[in-house]
C-alpha cells in the first residue's frame, strides 16, 4: 500500500485484496484428494493474519505502531476455485 498523509481527526477506509497461491492444507486428510489431484468436497479454511500499521506523530518524533489480528472462516468450493471469495461477512478482528 502506498504511503499517505492524513489529518489527525479524520479517518479512512482502505480496501485490500488478499491473494494466495498453492496454500498448503495441513491436516486436511486423505479424503480431500482424488484421482485428478483436485478436491471434490468443499474445504473449510481458517485465515489468521495480522495487519500492521504505523503512524508518524509530530513529524517523525513519535511513531506508534498498531496491530489488528484478523480471523476469517471461509469454505472453498472446488467448483469455484478461480473465483474471488468475499471476506466481508466471514471475518472478525480483535
PDB file of N, CA and C in Angstrom:
ATOM      1  N   UNK A   1       0.844  -1.174   0.000  1.00  0.00           N
ATOM      2  CA  UNK A   1       0.000   0.000   0.000  1.00  0.00           C
ATOM      3  C   UNK A   1       0.882   1.228   0.000  1.00  0.00           C
ATOM      4  N   UNK A   2       0.501   2.217  -0.765  1.00  0.00           N
ATOM      5  CA  UNK A   2       1.289   3.436  -0.816  1.00  0.00           C
ATOM      6  C   UNK A   2       1.139   4.236   0.467  1.00  0.00           C
ATOM      7  N   UNK A   3       2.154   4.967   0.779  1.00  0.00           N
ATOM      8  CA  UNK A   3       2.136   5.833   1.954  1.00  0.00           C
ATOM      9  C   UNK A   3       1.207   7.014   1.683  1.00  0.00           C
ATOM     10  N   UNK A   4       0.460   7.429   2.696  1.00  0.00           N
ATOM     11  CA  UNK A   4      -0.430   8.576   2.536  1.00  0.00           C
ATOM     12  C   UNK A   4      -0.401   9.410   3.802  1.00  0.00           C
ATOM     13  N   UNK A   5      -0.796  10.659   3.670  1.00  0.00           N
ATOM     14  CA  UNK A   5      -0.850  11.590   4.793  1.00  0.00           C
ATOM     15  C   UNK A   5      -2.299  11.924   5.074  1.00  0.00           C
ATOM     16  N   UNK A   6      -2.589  12.079   6.347  1.00  0.00           N
ATOM     17  CA  UNK A   6      -3.965  12.294   6.760  1.00  0.00           C
ATOM     18  C   UNK A   6      -3.971  13.129   8.032  1.00  0.00           C
ATOM     19  N   UNK A   7      -4.963  13.987   8.170  1.00  0.00           N
ATOM     20  CA  UNK A   7      -5.032  14.800   9.373  1.00  0.00           C
ATOM     21  C   UNK A   7      -5.410  13.940  10.574  1.00  0.00           C
ATOM     22  N   UNK A   8      -5.133  14.425  11.751  1.00  0.00           N
ATOM     23  CA  UNK A   8      -5.235  13.643  12.972  1.00  0.00           C
ATOM     24  C   UNK A   8      -6.663  13.234  13.311  1.00  0.00           C
ATOM     25  N   UNK A   9      -7.644  14.093  13.064  1.00  0.00           N
ATOM     26  CA  UNK A   9      -9.012  13.807  13.485  1.00  0.00           C
ATOM     27  C   UNK A   9      -9.873  13.220  12.369  1.00  0.00           C
ATOM     28  N   UNK A  10      -9.288  12.775  11.306  1.00  0.00           N
ATOM     29  CA  UNK A  10     -10.053  12.172  10.221  1.00  0.00           C
ATOM     30  C   UNK A  10      -9.848  10.656  10.225  1.00  0.00           C
ATOM     31  N   UNK A  11     -10.601   9.970   9.390  1.00  0.00           N
ATOM     32  CA  UNK A  11     -10.436   8.527   9.258  1.00  0.00           C
ATOM     33  C   UNK A  11     -10.588   8.140   7.796  1.00  0.00           C
ATOM     34  N   UNK A  12     -10.111   6.944   7.468  1.00  0.00           N
ATOM     35  CA  UNK A  12     -10.123   6.483   6.082  1.00  0.00           C
ATOM     36  C   UNK A  12     -10.296   4.967   6.075  1.00  0.00           C
ATOM     37  N   UNK A  13     -11.125   4.476   5.162  1.00  0.00           N
ATOM     38  CA  UNK A  13     -11.272   3.039   4.956  1.00  0.00           C
ATOM     39  C   UNK A  13     -10.454   2.644   3.734  1.00  0.00           C
ATOM     40  N   UNK A  14      -9.726   1.556   3.850  1.00  0.00           N
ATOM     41  CA  UNK A  14      -8.884   1.085   2.758  1.00  0.00           C
ATOM     42  C   UNK A  14      -9.284  -0.348   2.443  1.00  0.00           C
ATOM     43  N   UNK A  15      -9.556  -0.623   1.185  1.00  0.00           N
ATOM     44  CA  UNK A  15      -9.870  -1.982   0.755  1.00  0.00           C
ATOM     45  C   UNK A  15      -8.617  -2.616   0.175  1.00  0.00           C
ATOM     46  N   UNK A  16      -8.384  -3.869   0.535  1.00  0.00           N
ATOM     47  CA  UNK A  16      -7.217  -4.591   0.035  1.00  0.00           C
ATOM     48  C   UNK A  16      -7.664  -5.931  -0.524  1.00  0.00           C
ATOM     49  N   UNK A  17      -6.855  -6.496  -1.384  1.00  0.00           N
ATOM     50  CA  UNK A  17      -7.115  -7.826  -1.945  1.00  0.00           C
ATOM     51  C   UNK A  17      -6.066  -8.784  -1.410  1.00  0.00           C
ATOM     52  N   UNK A  18      -6.508  -9.936  -0.930  1.00  0.00           N
ATOM     53  CA  UNK A  18      -5.615 -10.961  -0.413  1.00  0.00           C
ATOM     54  C   UNK A  18      -5.566 -12.074  -1.449  1.00  0.00           C
ATOM     55  N   UNK A  19      -4.360 -12.424  -1.869  1.00  0.00           N
ATOM     56  CA  UNK A  19      -4.212 -13.472  -2.867  1.00  0.00           C
ATOM     57  C   UNK A  19      -3.380 -14.600  -2.294  1.00  0.00           C
ATOM     58  N   UNK A  20      -3.732 -15.818  -2.646  1.00  0.00           N
ATOM     59  CA  UNK A  20      -2.971 -16.972  -2.215  1.00  0.00           C
ATOM     60  C   UNK A  20      -2.774 -17.928  -3.377  1.00  0.00           C
ATOM     61  N   UNK A  21      -1.613 -18.534  -3.431  1.00  0.00           N
ATOM     62  CA  UNK A  21      -1.320 -19.487  -4.490  1.00  0.00           C
ATOM     63  C   UNK A  21      -0.618 -20.689  -3.870  1.00  0.00           C
ATOM     64  N   UNK A  22      -1.133 -21.864  -4.139  1.00  0.00           N
ATOM     65  CA  UNK A  22      -0.569 -23.109  -3.625  1.00  0.00           C
ATOM     66  C   UNK A  22      -0.475 -23.100  -2.100  1.00  0.00           C
ATOM     67  N   UNK A  23      -1.573 -22.757  -1.448  1.00  0.00           N
ATOM     68  CA  UNK A  23      -1.633 -22.716   0.008  1.00  0.00           C
ATOM     69  C   UNK A  23      -1.742 -24.147   0.522  1.00  0.00           C
ATOM     70  N   UNK A  24      -0.816 -24.601   1.387  1.00  0.00           N
ATOM     71  CA  UNK A  24      -0.890 -25.982   1.876  1.00  0.00           C
ATOM     72  C   UNK A  24      -2.054 -26.163   2.841  1.00  0.00           C
ATOM     73  N   UNK A  25      -2.720 -27.295   2.753  1.00  0.00           N
ATOM     74  CA  UNK A  25      -3.839 -27.618   3.633  1.00  0.00           C
ATOM     75  C   UNK A  25      -3.358 -28.632   4.659  1.00  0.00           C
ATOM     76  N   UNK A  26      -2.687 -28.149   5.689  1.00  0.00           N
ATOM     77  CA  UNK A  26      -2.146 -29.030   6.714  1.00  0.00           C
ATOM     78  C   UNK A  26      -3.274 -29.687   7.498  1.00  0.00           C
ATOM     79  N   UNK A  27      -3.178 -31.000   7.669  1.00  0.00           N
ATOM     80  CA  UNK A  27      -4.172 -31.730   8.438  1.00  0.00           C
ATOM     81  C   UNK A  27      -5.487 -31.908   7.721  1.00  0.00           C
ATOM     82  N   UNK A  28      -5.522 -31.741   6.412  1.00  0.00           N
ATOM     83  CA  UNK A  28      -6.787 -31.821   5.684  1.00  0.00           C
ATOM     84  C   UNK A  28      -7.272 -33.245   5.522  1.00  0.00           C
ATOM     85  N   UNK A  29      -6.374 -34.207   5.549  1.00  0.00           N
ATOM     86  CA  UNK A  29      -6.787 -35.601   5.460  1.00  0.00           C
ATOM     87  C   UNK A  29      -6.761 -36.121   4.033  1.00  0.00           C
ATOM     88  N   UNK A  30      -6.794 -37.423   3.927  1.00  0.00           N
ATOM     89  CA  UNK A  30      -6.721 -38.067   2.620  1.00  0.00           C
ATOM     90  C   UNK A  30      -8.053 -38.011   1.885  1.00  0.00           C
ATOM     91  N   UNK A  31      -9.139 -37.699   2.581  1.00  0.00           N
ATOM     92  CA  UNK A  31     -10.452 -37.688   1.932  1.00  0.00           C
ATOM     93  C   UNK A  31     -10.599 -36.524   0.960  1.00  0.00           C
ATOM     94  N   UNK A  32      -9.718 -35.538   1.030  1.00  0.00           N
ATOM     95  CA  UNK A  32      -9.827 -34.393   0.130  1.00  0.00           C
ATOM     96  C   UNK A  32      -9.198 -34.656  -1.235  1.00  0.00           C
ATOM     97  N   UNK A  33      -8.327 -35.629  -1.332  1.00  0.00           N
ATOM     98  CA  UNK A  33      -7.660 -35.881  -2.601  1.00  0.00           C
ATOM     99  C   UNK A  33      -8.519 -36.775  -3.486  1.00  0.00           C
ATOM    100  N   UNK A  34      -8.264 -36.683  -4.783  1.00  0.00           N
ATOM    101  CA  UNK A  34      -8.968 -37.517  -5.752  1.00  0.00           C
ATOM    102  C   UNK A  34      -7.960 -37.975  -6.796  1.00  0.00           C
ATOM    103  N   UNK A  35      -8.422 -38.674  -7.817  1.00  0.00           N
ATOM    104  CA  UNK A  35      -7.508 -39.178  -8.846  1.00  0.00           C
ATOM    105  C   UNK A  35      -6.911 -38.052  -9.678  1.00  0.00           C
ATOM    106  N   UNK A  36      -7.638 -36.941  -9.807  1.00  0.00           N
ATOM    107  CA  UNK A  36      -7.125 -35.812 -10.588  1.00  0.00           C
ATOM    108  C   UNK A  36      -6.263 -34.872  -9.767  1.00  0.00           C
ATOM    109  N   UNK A  37      -6.248 -35.028  -8.458  1.00  0.00           N
ATOM    110  CA  UNK A  37      -5.469 -34.144  -7.601  1.00  0.00           C
ATOM    111  C   UNK A  37      -6.243 -32.941  -7.105  1.00  0.00           C
ATOM    112  N   UNK A  38      -7.438 -32.722  -7.612  1.00  0.00           N
ATOM    113  CA  UNK A  38      -8.280 -31.602  -7.181  1.00  0.00           C
ATOM    114  C   UNK A  38      -9.256 -32.100  -6.119  1.00  0.00           C
ATOM    115  N   UNK A  39      -9.544 -31.299  -5.103  1.00  0.00           N
ATOM    116  CA  UNK A  39     -10.512 -31.733  -4.084  1.00  0.00           C
ATOM    117  C   UNK A  39     -11.914 -31.820  -4.681  1.00  0.00           C
ATOM    118  N   UNK A  40     -12.709 -32.762  -4.182  1.00  0.00           N
ATOM    119  CA  UNK A  40     -14.076 -32.933  -4.677  1.00  0.00           C
ATOM    120  C   UNK A  40     -15.107 -32.404  -3.695  1.00  0.00           C
ATOM    121  N   UNK A  41     -14.727 -32.245  -2.432  1.00  0.00           N
ATOM    122  CA  UNK A  41     -15.631 -31.742  -1.393  1.00  0.00           C
ATOM    123  C   UNK A  41     -15.252 -30.312  -1.032  1.00  0.00           C
ATOM    124  N   UNK A  42     -16.208 -29.529  -0.512  1.00  0.00           N
ATOM    125  CA  UNK A  42     -15.852 -28.186  -0.029  1.00  0.00           C
ATOM    126  C   UNK A  42     -14.837 -28.264   1.108  1.00  0.00           C
ATOM    127  N   UNK A  43     -13.882 -27.352   1.103  1.00  0.00           N
ATOM    128  CA  UNK A  43     -12.793 -27.369   2.074  1.00  0.00           C
ATOM    129  C   UNK A  43     -12.946 -26.179   3.024  1.00  0.00           C
ATOM    130  N   UNK A  44     -13.153 -26.431   4.335  1.00  0.00           N
ATOM    131  CA  UNK A  44     -13.194 -25.311   5.278  1.00  0.00           C
ATOM    132  C   UNK A  44     -11.778 -24.773   5.494  1.00  0.00           C
ATOM    133  N   UNK A  45     -11.669 -23.468   5.531  1.00  0.00           N
ATOM    134  CA  UNK A  45     -10.353 -22.838   5.635  1.00  0.00           C
ATOM    135  C   UNK A  45     -10.424 -21.703   6.640  1.00  0.00           C
ATOM    136  N   UNK A  46      -9.469 -21.656   7.555  1.00  0.00           N
ATOM    137  CA  UNK A  46      -9.353 -20.566   8.530  1.00  0.00           C
ATOM    138  C   UNK A  46      -8.146 -19.722   8.167  1.00  0.00           C
ATOM    139  N   UNK A  47      -8.360 -18.437   7.983  1.00  0.00           N
ATOM    140  CA  UNK A  47      -7.281 -17.496   7.719  1.00  0.00           C
ATOM    141  C   UNK A  47      -7.041 -16.683   8.976  1.00  0.00           C
ATOM    142  N   UNK A  48      -5.816 -16.652   9.441  1.00  0.00           N
ATOM    143  CA  UNK A  48      -5.424 -15.847  10.592  1.00  0.00           C
ATOM    144  C   UNK A  48      -4.237 -15.011  10.174  1.00  0.00           C
ATOM    145  N   UNK A  49      -4.374 -13.702  10.254  1.00  0.00           N
ATOM    146  CA  UNK A  49      -3.260 -12.837   9.901  1.00  0.00           C
ATOM    147  C   UNK A  49      -3.304 -11.561  10.729  1.00  0.00           C
ATOM    148  N   UNK A  50      -2.204 -10.831  10.702  1.00  0.00           N
ATOM    149  CA  UNK A  50      -2.061  -9.597  11.469  1.00  0.00           C
ATOM    150  C   UNK A  50      -1.864  -8.453  10.492  1.00  0.00           C
ATOM    151  N   UNK A  51      -2.657  -7.404  10.650  1.00  0.00           N
ATOM    152  CA  UNK A  51      -2.491  -6.205   9.848  1.00  0.00           C
ATOM    153  C   UNK A  51      -1.712  -5.197  10.685  1.00  0.00           C
ATOM    154  N   UNK A  52      -0.608  -4.723  10.139  1.00  0.00           N
ATOM    155  CA  UNK A  52       0.244  -3.776  10.860  1.00  0.00           C
ATOM    156  C   UNK A  52       0.125  -2.405  10.224  1.00  0.00           C
ATOM    157  N   UNK A  53       0.133  -1.382  11.056  1.00  0.00           N
ATOM    158  CA  UNK A  53       0.148  -0.002  10.557  1.00  0.00           C
ATOM    159  C   UNK A  53       0.998   0.843  11.494  1.00  0.00           C
ATOM    160  N   UNK A  54       1.502   1.921  10.967  1.00  0.00           N
ATOM    161  CA  UNK A  54       2.354   2.814  11.745  1.00  0.00           C
ATOM    162  C   UNK A  54       1.969   4.248  11.416  1.00  0.00           C
ATOM    163  N   UNK A  55       1.997   5.091  12.399  1.00  0.00           N
ATOM    164  CA  UNK A  55       1.671   6.499  12.217  1.00  0.00           C
ATOM    165  C   UNK A  55       2.865   7.343  12.635  1.00  0.00           C
ATOM    166  N   UNK A  56       3.051   8.448  11.956  1.00  0.00           N
ATOM    167  CA  UNK A  56       4.066   9.421  12.357  1.00  0.00           C
ATOM    168  C   UNK A  56       3.356  10.595  13.004  1.00  0.00           C
ATOM    169  N   UNK A  57       3.635  10.819  14.268  1.00  0.00           N
ATOM    170  CA  UNK A  57       3.028  11.914  15.020  1.00  0.00           C
ATOM    171  C   UNK A  57       4.128  12.923  15.318  1.00  0.00           C
ATOM    172  N   UNK A  58       3.821  14.177  15.195  1.00  0.00           N
ATOM    173  CA  UNK A  58       4.802  15.251  15.401  1.00  0.00           C
ATOM    174  C   UNK A  58       5.993  15.068  14.452  1.00  0.00           C
ATOM    175  N   UNK A  59       5.690  14.992  13.185  1.00  0.00           N
ATOM    176  CA  UNK A  59       6.738  14.725  12.212  1.00  0.00           C
ATOM    177  C   UNK A  59       7.145  13.276  12.307  1.00  0.00           C
ATOM    178  N   UNK A  60       8.405  13.026  12.618  1.00  0.00           N
ATOM    179  CA  UNK A  60       8.861  11.651  12.804  1.00  0.00           C
ATOM    180  C   UNK A  60       9.401  11.425  14.210  1.00  0.00           C
ATOM    181  N   UNK A  61       8.973  12.283  15.169  1.00  0.00           N
ATOM    182  CA  UNK A  61       9.429  12.128  16.543  1.00  0.00           C
ATOM    183  C   UNK A  61       8.789  10.932  17.237  1.00  0.00           C
ATOM    184  N   UNK A  62       7.494  10.752  17.038  1.00  0.00           N
ATOM    185  CA  UNK A  62       6.754   9.666  17.687  1.00  0.00           C
ATOM    186  C   UNK A  62       6.181   8.775  16.598  1.00  0.00           C
ATOM    187  N   UNK A  63       6.452   7.464  16.681  1.00  0.00           N
ATOM    188  CA  UNK A  63       5.986   6.523  15.663  1.00  0.00           C
ATOM    189  C   UNK A  63       5.228   5.369  16.310  1.00  0.00           C
ATOM    190  N   UNK A  64       3.969   5.574  16.703  1.00  0.00           N
ATOM    191  CA  UNK A  64       3.225   4.458  17.298  1.00  0.00           C
ATOM    192  C   UNK A  64       2.884   3.410  16.238  1.00  0.00           C
ATOM    193  N   UNK A  65       2.854   2.148  16.678  1.00  0.00           N
ATOM    194  CA  UNK A  65       2.521   1.035  15.788  1.00  0.00           C
ATOM    195  C   UNK A  65       1.215   0.421  16.258  1.00  0.00           C
ATOM    196  N   UNK A  66       0.397   0.020  15.309  1.00  0.00           N
ATOM    197  CA  UNK A  66      -0.901  -0.573  15.604  1.00  0.00           C
ATOM    198  C   UNK A  66      -0.966  -1.951  14.953  1.00  0.00           C
ATOM    199  N   UNK A  67      -1.504  -2.925  15.684  1.00  0.00           N
ATOM    200  CA  UNK A  67      -1.638  -4.287  15.183  1.00  0.00           C
ATOM    201  C   UNK A  67      -3.085  -4.728  15.344  1.00  0.00           C
ATOM    202  N   UNK A  68      -3.669  -5.289  14.301  1.00  0.00           N
ATOM    203  CA  UNK A  68      -5.012  -5.867  14.356  1.00  0.00           C
ATOM    204  C   UNK A  68      -4.925  -7.323  13.939  1.00  0.00           C
ATOM    205  N   UNK A  69      -5.398  -8.225  14.801  1.00  0.00           N
ATOM    206  CA  UNK A  69      -5.456  -9.646  14.448  1.00  0.00           C
ATOM    207  C   UNK A  69      -6.798  -9.917  13.777  1.00  0.00           C
ATOM    208  N   UNK A  70      -6.757 -10.550  12.628  1.00  0.00           N
ATOM    209  CA  UNK A  70      -7.959 -10.815  11.841  1.00  0.00           C
ATOM    210  C   UNK A  70      -8.109 -12.323  11.666  1.00  0.00           C
ATOM    211  N   UNK A  71      -9.322 -12.815  11.928  1.00  0.00           N
ATOM    212  CA  UNK A  71      -9.643 -14.234  11.800  1.00  0.00           C
ATOM    213  C   UNK A  71     -10.789 -14.375  10.811  1.00  0.00           C
ATOM    214  N   UNK A  72     -10.602 -15.194   9.775  1.00  0.00           N
ATOM    215  CA  UNK A  72     -11.631 -15.417   8.759  1.00  0.00           C
ATOM    216  C   UNK A  72     -11.889 -16.913   8.623  1.00  0.00           C
ATOM    217  N   UNK A  73     -13.154 -17.299   8.597  1.00  0.00           N
ATOM    218  CA  UNK A  73     -13.549 -18.686   8.365  1.00  0.00           C
ATOM    219  C   UNK A  73     -14.318 -18.744   7.057  1.00  0.00           C
ATOM    220  N   UNK A  74     -13.741 -19.403   6.064  1.00  0.00           N
ATOM    221  CA  UNK A  74     -14.385 -19.497   4.757  1.00  0.00           C
ATOM    222  C   UNK A  74     -14.408 -20.957   4.329  1.00  0.00           C
ATOM    223  N   UNK A  75     -15.213 -21.246   3.316  1.00  0.00           N
ATOM    224  CA  UNK A  75     -15.285 -22.572   2.722  1.00  0.00           C
ATOM    225  C   UNK A  75     -14.985 -22.440   1.241  1.00  0.00           C
ATOM    226  N   UNK A  76     -13.961 -23.166   0.789  1.00  0.00           N
ATOM    227  CA  UNK A  76     -13.595 -23.142  -0.624  1.00  0.00           C
ATOM    228  C   UNK A  76     -14.365 -24.224  -1.363  1.00  0.00           C
ATOM    229  N   UNK A  77     -15.121 -23.810  -2.369  1.00  0.00           N
ATOM    230  CA  UNK A  77     -15.880 -24.738  -3.190  1.00  0.00           C
ATOM    231  C   UNK A  77     -15.015 -25.156  -4.371  1.00  0.00           C
ATOM    232  N   UNK A  78     -14.819 -26.455  -4.608  1.00  0.00           N
ATOM    233  CA  UNK A  78     -13.940 -26.876  -5.704  1.00  0.00           C
ATOM    234  C   UNK A  78     -14.473 -26.505  -7.081  1.00  0.00           C
ATOM    235  N   UNK A  79     -15.767 -26.220  -7.195  1.00  0.00           N
ATOM    236  CA  UNK A  79     -16.329 -25.823  -8.488  1.00  0.00           C
ATOM    237  C   UNK A  79     -16.055 -24.362  -8.800  1.00  0.00           C
ATOM    238  N   UNK A  80     -15.657 -23.576  -7.787  1.00  0.00           N
ATOM    239  CA  UNK A  80     -15.427 -22.140  -7.959  1.00  0.00           C
ATOM    240  C   UNK A  80     -14.014 -21.762  -7.525  1.00  0.00           C
ATOM    241  N   UNK A  81     -13.012 -22.566  -7.875  1.00  0.00           N
ATOM    242  CA  UNK A  81     -11.656 -22.324  -7.395  1.00  0.00           C
ATOM    243  C   UNK A  81     -11.023 -21.064  -7.978  1.00  0.00           C
ATOM    244  N   UNK A  82     -11.369 -20.664  -9.180  1.00  0.00           N
ATOM    245  CA  UNK A  82     -10.769 -19.470  -9.769  1.00  0.00           C
ATOM    246  C   UNK A  82     -11.487 -18.185  -9.411  1.00  0.00           C
ATOM    247  N   UNK A  83     -12.656 -18.273  -8.794  1.00  0.00           N
ATOM    248  CA  UNK A  83     -13.468 -17.094  -8.492  1.00  0.00           C
ATOM    249  C   UNK A  83     -13.019 -16.438  -7.195  1.00  0.00           C
ATOM    250  N   UNK A  84     -13.321 -15.166  -7.065  1.00  0.00           N
ATOM    251  CA  UNK A  84     -12.994 -14.426  -5.850  1.00  0.00           C
ATOM    252  C   UNK A  84     -13.967 -14.804  -4.740  1.00  0.00           C
ATOM    253  N   UNK A  85     -13.475 -14.820  -3.512  1.00  0.00           N
ATOM    254  CA  UNK A  85     -14.280 -15.117  -2.335  1.00  0.00           C
ATOM    255  C   UNK A  85     -14.321 -13.854  -1.482  1.00  0.00           C
ATOM    256  N   UNK A  86     -15.516 -13.379  -1.187  1.00  0.00           N
ATOM    257  CA  UNK A  86     -15.653 -12.181  -0.367  1.00  0.00           C
ATOM    258  C   UNK A  86     -15.448 -12.530   1.103  1.00  0.00           C
ATOM    259  N   UNK A  87     -14.629 -11.753   1.780  1.00  0.00           N
ATOM    260  CA  UNK A  87     -14.369 -11.959   3.204  1.00  0.00           C
ATOM    261  C   UNK A  87     -15.154 -10.994   4.077  1.00  0.00           C
ATOM    262  N   UNK A  88     -16.062 -10.257   3.484  1.00  0.00           N
ATOM    263  CA  UNK A  88     -16.747  -9.183   4.188  1.00  0.00           C
ATOM    264  C   UNK A  88     -17.540  -9.676   5.403  1.00  0.00           C
ATOM    265  N   UNK A  89     -18.292 -10.762   5.266  1.00  0.00           N
ATOM    266  CA  UNK A  89     -19.142 -11.229   6.370  1.00  0.00           C
ATOM    267  C   UNK A  89     -18.543 -12.401   7.133  1.00  0.00           C
ATOM    268  N   UNK A  90     -17.343 -12.837   6.777  1.00  0.00           N
ATOM    269  CA  UNK A  90     -16.776 -14.023   7.411  1.00  0.00           C
ATOM    270  C   UNK A  90     -15.571 -13.721   8.311  1.00  0.00           C
ATOM    271  N   UNK A  91     -15.254 -12.467   8.524  1.00  0.00           N
ATOM    272  CA  UNK A  91     -14.070 -12.114   9.305  1.00  0.00           C
ATOM    273  C   UNK A  91     -14.442 -11.388  10.590  1.00  0.00           C
ATOM    274  N   UNK A  92     -13.639 -11.635  11.610  1.00  0.00           N
ATOM    275  CA  UNK A  92     -13.724 -10.889  12.866  1.00  0.00           C
ATOM    276  C   UNK A  92     -12.324 -10.389  13.198  1.00  0.00           C
ATOM    277  N   UNK A  93     -12.263  -9.310  13.935  1.00  0.00           N
ATOM    278  CA  UNK A  93     -10.960  -8.783  14.313  1.00  0.00           C
ATOM    279  C   UNK A  93     -10.957  -8.341  15.756  1.00  0.00           C
ATOM    280  N   UNK A  94      -9.766  -8.391  16.370  1.00  0.00           N
ATOM    281  CA  UNK A  94      -9.578  -8.010  17.773  1.00  0.00           C
ATOM    282  C   UNK A  94      -8.941  -6.634  17.850  1.00  0.00           C
TER     283      UNK A  94
END
